[in-house]
Amino acid sequence: MIKRLLAKREEDVCCTVEVSNTFESLHAHLRFDGGVTVEPGDEVLVHGEPVKVPYGETAYLRRHATIVRAGWFERTWTRATGDFEFMELCEFSFSERATL
């Protein structure tokens, strides 16, 4: 029973990596084929060479990825504590004027 709660499984999928390095946007997105999604606690490893996109360009690359699915306990823990970790990324100011 405990082994099942902690068990992880791997799933291999194909994906498209979009990397943009322009004045308007600096981002990277990963889209899995076949409507595959990741859930809280899952880990994704994209295989292949590091992506280097020159300034002013956007690249779309086909890659292979491995998704390590979280076990029941890890998924539940991630859902329960995820909101607290997100709050660490936020900065709040309750004054009339925000200064950084």
C-alpha atoms as a PDB file:
ATOM      1  CA  MET A   1       0.000   0.000   0.000  1.00  0.00           C
ATOM      2  CA  ILE A   2       2.743   2.501   0.938  1.00  0.00           C
ATOM      3  CA  LYS A   3       4.678   1.634  -2.201  1.00  0.00           C
ATOM      4  CA  ARG A   4       1.634   2.569  -4.286  1.00  0.00           C
ATOM      5  CA  LEU A   5       1.288   5.952  -2.546  1.00  0.00           C
ATOM      6  CA  LEU A   6       4.915   6.828  -3.324  1.00  0.00           C
ATOM      7  CA  ALA A   7       5.163   5.147  -6.753  1.00  0.00           C
ATOM      8  CA  LYS A   8       6.178   7.216  -9.757  1.00  0.00           C
ATOM      9  CA  ARG A   9       5.834   6.322 -13.393  1.00  0.00           C
ATOM     10  CA  GLU A  10       7.467   7.738 -16.496  1.00  0.00           C
ATOM     11  CA  GLU A  11       5.776   8.748 -19.722  1.00  0.00           C
ATOM     12  CA  ASP A  12       7.646   9.566 -22.947  1.00  0.00           C
ATOM     13  CA  VAL A  13       6.035  12.139 -25.250  1.00  0.00           C
ATOM     14  CA  CYS A  14       6.890  14.342 -28.202  1.00  0.00           C
ATOM     15  CA  CYS A  15       6.589  18.086 -27.801  1.00  0.00           C
ATOM     16  CA  THR A  16       7.185  21.478 -29.387  1.00  0.00           C
ATOM     17  CA  VAL A  17       9.455  23.972 -27.642  1.00  0.00           C
ATOM     18  CA  GLU A  18       8.848  27.650 -28.435  1.00  0.00           C
ATOM     19  CA  VAL A  19      11.557  30.087 -27.362  1.00  0.00           C
ATOM     20  CA  SER A  20      11.262  33.818 -28.043  1.00  0.00           C
ATOM     21  CA  ASN A  21      14.049  36.334 -27.480  1.00  0.00           C
ATOM     22  CA  THR A  22      12.628  39.612 -28.774  1.00  0.00           C
ATOM     23  CA  PHE A  23      12.151  43.151 -27.481  1.00  0.00           C
ATOM     24  CA  GLU A  24       8.450  42.411 -26.928  1.00  0.00           C
ATOM     25  CA  SER A  25       8.845  39.048 -25.226  1.00  0.00           C
ATOM     26  CA  LEU A  26      11.381  36.766 -23.572  1.00  0.00           C
ATOM     27  CA  HIS A  27       9.686  33.416 -22.965  1.00  0.00           C
ATOM     28  CA  ALA A  28       9.806  29.660 -23.409  1.00  0.00           C
ATOM     29  CA  HIS A  29       6.729  27.459 -23.801  1.00  0.00           C
ATOM     30  CA  LEU A  30       6.400  23.702 -24.042  1.00  0.00           C
ATOM     31  CA  ARG A  31       3.430  22.078 -25.785  1.00  0.00           C
ATOM     32  CA  PHE A  32       2.930  18.322 -25.571  1.00  0.00           C
ATOM     33  CA  ASP A  33       1.488  16.334 -28.466  1.00  0.00           C
ATOM     34  CA  GLY A  34      -1.839  14.555 -28.071  1.00  0.00           C
ATOM     35  CA  GLY A  35      -3.238  16.785 -25.337  1.00  0.00           C
ATOM     36  CA  VAL A  36      -0.912  15.425 -22.641  1.00  0.00           C
ATOM     37  CA  THR A  37      -0.915  17.585 -19.505  1.00  0.00           C
ATOM     38  CA  VAL A  38       1.231  17.795 -16.382  1.00  0.00           C
ATOM     39  CA  GLU A  39      -0.235  17.785 -12.888  1.00  0.00           C
ATOM     40  CA  PRO A  40       1.062  19.175  -9.574  1.00  0.00           C
ATOM     41  CA  GLY A  41       4.238  17.376  -8.514  1.00  0.00           C
ATOM     42  CA  ASP A  42       5.068  16.014 -11.979  1.00  0.00           C
ATOM     43  CA  GLU A  43       8.579  16.573 -13.361  1.00  0.00           C
ATOM     44  CA  VAL A  44       9.428  17.167 -17.035  1.00  0.00           C
ATOM     45  CA  LEU A  45      12.793  16.533 -18.688  1.00  0.00           C
ATOM     46  CA  VAL A  46      13.170  17.790 -22.275  1.00  0.00           C
ATOM     47  CA  HIS A  47      15.866  15.897 -24.181  1.00  0.00           C
ATOM     48  CA  GLY A  48      18.289  17.421 -26.687  1.00  0.00           C
ATOM     49  CA  GLU A  49      20.832  20.180 -26.998  1.00  0.00           C
ATOM     50  CA  PRO A  50      20.360  23.446 -25.061  1.00  0.00           C
ATOM     51  CA  VAL A  51      18.310  25.990 -26.996  1.00  0.00           C
ATOM     52  CA  LYS A  52      20.084  29.207 -27.966  1.00  0.00           C
ATOM     53  CA  VAL A  53      17.991  31.799 -29.776  1.00  0.00           C
ATOM     54  CA  PRO A  54      19.661  35.013 -31.003  1.00  0.00           C
ATOM     55  CA  TYR A  55      18.133  38.340 -29.986  1.00  0.00           C
ATOM     56  CA  GLY A  56      15.195  39.340 -32.157  1.00  0.00           C
ATOM     57  CA  GLU A  57      14.202  35.781 -33.090  1.00  0.00           C
ATOM     58  CA  THR A  58      11.708  33.104 -32.090  1.00  0.00           C
ATOM     59  CA  ALA A  59      12.427  29.393 -32.542  1.00  0.00           C
ATOM     60  CA  TYR A  60      10.098  26.395 -32.683  1.00  0.00           C
ATOM     61  CA  LEU A  61      11.827  23.061 -32.048  1.00  0.00           C
ATOM     62  CA  ARG A  62      10.522  19.499 -31.991  1.00  0.00           C
ATOM     63  CA  ARG A  63      11.818  17.541 -29.001  1.00  0.00           C
ATOM     64  CA  HIS A  64      11.279  14.375 -27.022  1.00  0.00           C
ATOM     65  CA  ALA A  65      10.350  14.735 -23.331  1.00  0.00           C
ATOM     66  CA  THR A  66      10.002  12.426 -20.342  1.00  0.00           C
ATOM     67  CA  ILE A  67       7.307  13.185 -17.771  1.00  0.00           C
ATOM     68  CA  VAL A  68       7.868  11.642 -14.336  1.00  0.00           C
ATOM     69  CA  ARG A  69       4.416  11.421 -12.803  1.00  0.00           C
ATOM     70  CA  ALA A  70       4.165  12.168  -9.091  1.00  0.00           C
ATOM     71  CA  GLY A  71       2.779   9.532  -6.761  1.00  0.00           C
ATOM     72  CA  TRP A  72      -0.412  10.127  -4.797  1.00  0.00           C
ATOM     73  CA  PHE A  73       1.370  11.427  -1.679  1.00  0.00           C
ATOM     74  CA  GLU A  74       3.671  13.837  -3.570  1.00  0.00           C
ATOM     75  CA  ARG A  75       0.780  15.168  -5.679  1.00  0.00           C
ATOM     76  CA  THR A  76      -1.371  15.731  -2.579  1.00  0.00           C
ATOM     77  CA  TRP A  77       1.507  17.443  -0.748  1.00  0.00           C
ATOM     78  CA  THR A  78       2.225  19.710  -3.723  1.00  0.00           C
ATOM     79  CA  ARG A  79      -1.422  20.740  -3.976  1.00  0.00           C
ATOM     80  CA  ALA A  80      -1.602  21.427  -0.232  1.00  0.00           C
ATOM     81  CA  THR A  81       1.584  23.524  -0.047  1.00  0.00           C
ATOM     82  CA  GLY A  82       1.697  25.049  -3.529  1.00  0.00           C
ATOM     83  CA  ASP A  83      -0.280  28.168  -2.615  1.00  0.00           C
ATOM     84  CA  PHE A  84       2.201  29.024   0.138  1.00  0.00           C
ATOM     85  CA  GLU A  85       5.151  28.745  -2.241  1.00  0.00           C
ATOM     86  CA  PHE A  86       3.371  30.901  -4.814  1.00  0.00           C
ATOM     87  CA  MET A  87       2.888  33.633  -2.241  1.00  0.00           C
ATOM     88  CA  GLU A  88       6.682  33.860  -1.858  1.00  0.00           C
ATOM     89  CA  LEU A  89       6.825  35.119  -5.447  1.00  0.00           C
ATOM     90  CA  CYS A  90       4.372  37.947  -4.795  1.00  0.00           C
ATOM     91  CA  GLU A  91       5.309  41.335  -3.417  1.00  0.00           C
ATOM     92  CA  PHE A  92       2.570  43.355  -1.788  1.00  0.00           C
ATOM     93  CA  SER A  93       2.482  47.005  -0.845  1.00  0.00           C
ATOM     94  CA  PHE A  94      -0.279  48.544   1.253  1.00  0.00           C
ATOM     95  CA  SER A  95       0.994  52.107   1.078  1.00  0.00           C
ATOM     96  CA  GLU A  96      -0.384  54.755  -1.263  1.00  0.00           C
ATOM     97  CA  ARG A  97       2.813  54.679  -3.251  1.00  0.00           C
ATOM     98  CA  ALA A  98       4.790  51.574  -4.121  1.00  0.00           C
ATOM     99  CA  THR A  99       8.567  51.840  -4.178  1.00  0.00           C
ATOM    100  CA  LEU A 100      10.979  49.207  -5.313  1.00  0.00           C
END
